[in-house]
Amino acid sequence: MPDFLNDKKRYYTPVEYVFDKVGGLYKMPILWRLKDKSLRFSELKRSINRASDRMLSKTLKELVADGFVSKEIIPEVPVKTIYTITEKGKRSIAIISTLREYGFELMKEDGIEH
């Protein structure tokens, strides 16, 4: 299979590219939480409390830059920032859902309770 180059980064398979875009520690949890409703940064922070402010902010910036999430700034006092999943992001939910179900199956097989 040929190599793929994007922004000077080399990928060896399309699957590797997908995991670079939606994988990692916080991208899938963020997309999963945004699948049903838009959320403010503080709401995402509360629901993913293991993420530091810095890491959550960095991950959201990456998701916005890659077109999976949109960011709306509402100029009021205090300023509100609303994050919404885009159509591109919504297409990733089926994959995330499948991985989630597979994760539950593996956890059950390995005797891990959830």
Protein backbone atom coordinates (compact mmCIF):
# COMPACT_ATOMS: atom_id res chain seq x y z
CA MET A 1 0.00 0.00 0.00
CA PRO A 2 1.40 3.44 -0.86
CA ASP A 3 2.32 6.03 1.72
CA PHE A 4 0.10 9.07 2.19
CA LEU A 5 1.49 12.50 2.96
CA ASN A 6 -0.52 15.23 4.67
CA ASP A 7 1.00 18.37 6.18
CA LYS A 8 4.44 16.74 6.03
CA LYS A 9 3.22 13.79 8.07
CA ARG A 10 3.44 10.31 6.59
CA TYR A 11 0.62 7.81 6.97
CA TYR A 12 0.90 4.20 5.89
CA THR A 13 -2.81 3.33 5.85
CA PRO A 14 -6.11 5.22 5.76
CA VAL A 15 -6.92 3.67 9.15
CA GLU A 16 -3.80 5.28 10.63
CA TYR A 17 -4.96 8.62 9.19
CA VAL A 18 -8.43 8.23 10.75
CA PHE A 19 -6.98 7.41 14.16
CA ASP A 20 -4.72 10.45 13.92
CA LYS A 21 -7.78 12.62 13.29
CA VAL A 22 -10.25 11.14 15.81
CA GLY A 23 -8.04 9.00 18.05
CA GLY A 24 -6.11 9.97 21.11
CA LEU A 25 -7.17 10.33 24.69
CA TYR A 26 -9.85 13.02 24.37
CA LYS A 27 -11.03 13.37 20.75
CA MET A 28 -13.49 10.47 20.77
CA PRO A 29 -14.92 11.36 24.20
CA ILE A 30 -15.43 14.96 23.05
CA LEU A 31 -17.14 13.91 19.81
CA TRP A 32 -19.29 11.40 21.70
CA ARG A 33 -20.50 14.09 24.13
CA LEU A 34 -21.23 16.54 21.31
CA LYS A 35 -23.22 14.03 19.24
CA ASP A 36 -26.55 14.99 20.84
CA LYS A 37 -26.07 18.63 21.81
CA SER A 38 -23.75 21.61 21.71
CA LEU A 39 -21.73 22.22 24.86
CA ARG A 40 -19.69 24.98 26.44
CA PHE A 41 -16.07 24.39 27.42
CA SER A 42 -17.00 24.17 31.10
CA GLU A 43 -19.65 21.52 30.37
CA LEU A 44 -17.16 19.43 28.43
CA LYS A 45 -14.63 19.88 31.22
CA ARG A 46 -17.12 18.63 33.81
CA SER A 47 -17.99 15.56 31.77
CA ILE A 48 -14.34 14.74 30.95
CA ASN A 49 -12.90 15.70 34.31
CA ARG A 50 -9.66 13.77 33.84
CA ALA A 51 -8.62 16.24 31.10
CA SER A 52 -6.66 19.30 32.12
CA ASP A 53 -7.90 22.66 30.81
CA ARG A 54 -4.80 22.86 28.61
CA MET A 55 -5.28 19.41 27.04
CA LEU A 56 -9.01 19.88 26.54
CA SER A 57 -8.40 23.25 24.88
CA LYS A 58 -5.64 21.83 22.66
CA THR A 59 -7.80 18.88 21.60
CA LEU A 60 -10.79 21.12 20.83
CA LYS A 61 -8.55 23.37 18.70
CA GLU A 62 -7.41 20.31 16.73
CA LEU A 63 -10.99 19.09 16.23
CA VAL A 64 -12.04 22.58 15.07
CA ALA A 65 -9.03 22.88 12.72
CA ASP A 66 -9.80 19.46 11.23
CA GLY A 67 -13.48 20.34 10.72
CA PHE A 68 -15.00 17.82 13.17
CA VAL A 69 -16.26 20.50 15.58
CA SER A 70 -17.32 24.12 15.14
CA LYS A 71 -16.69 26.86 17.67
CA GLU A 72 -19.08 29.75 18.21
CA ILE A 73 -18.14 32.70 20.39
CA ILE A 74 -21.08 34.60 21.87
CA PRO A 75 -19.97 38.10 22.88
CA GLU A 76 -21.68 38.62 26.21
CA VAL A 77 -20.33 39.05 29.71
CA PRO A 78 -18.83 36.63 30.39
CA VAL A 79 -18.03 35.48 26.86
CA LYS A 80 -19.64 32.14 25.94
CA THR A 81 -17.91 29.62 23.71
CA ILE A 82 -20.15 26.91 22.28
CA TYR A 83 -18.82 23.77 20.60
CA THR A 84 -20.98 21.86 18.10
CA ILE A 85 -20.28 18.69 16.17
CA THR A 86 -20.18 19.23 12.39
CA GLU A 87 -21.46 16.92 9.66
CA LYS A 88 -17.92 15.61 9.28
CA GLY A 89 -17.83 14.93 13.01
CA LYS A 90 -21.22 13.22 12.91
CA ARG A 91 -19.88 10.75 10.34
CA SER A 92 -17.27 9.65 12.89
CA ILE A 93 -19.93 8.71 15.47
CA ALA A 94 -20.79 5.39 13.79
CA ILE A 95 -17.13 4.37 13.95
CA ILE A 96 -16.80 5.54 17.54
CA SER A 97 -19.97 3.65 18.46
CA THR A 98 -18.62 0.46 16.90
CA LEU A 99 -15.31 0.86 18.76
CA ARG A 100 -17.24 1.51 21.97
CA GLU A 101 -19.28 -1.67 21.62
CA TYR A 102 -16.16 -3.64 20.74
CA GLY A 103 -14.50 -2.18 23.83
CA PHE A 104 -17.38 -3.38 26.01
CA GLU A 105 -17.07 -6.87 24.49
CA LEU A 106 -13.31 -7.00 25.14
CA MET A 107 -13.75 -5.72 28.68
CA LYS A 108 -16.34 -8.42 29.36
CA GLU A 109 -14.08 -11.12 27.89
CA ASP A 110 -11.21 -9.90 30.06
CA GLY A 111 -13.35 -9.77 33.20
CA ILE A 112 -13.33 -5.98 33.47
CA GLU A 113 -16.51 -4.45 34.85
CA HIS A 114 -17.78 -1.15 33.50
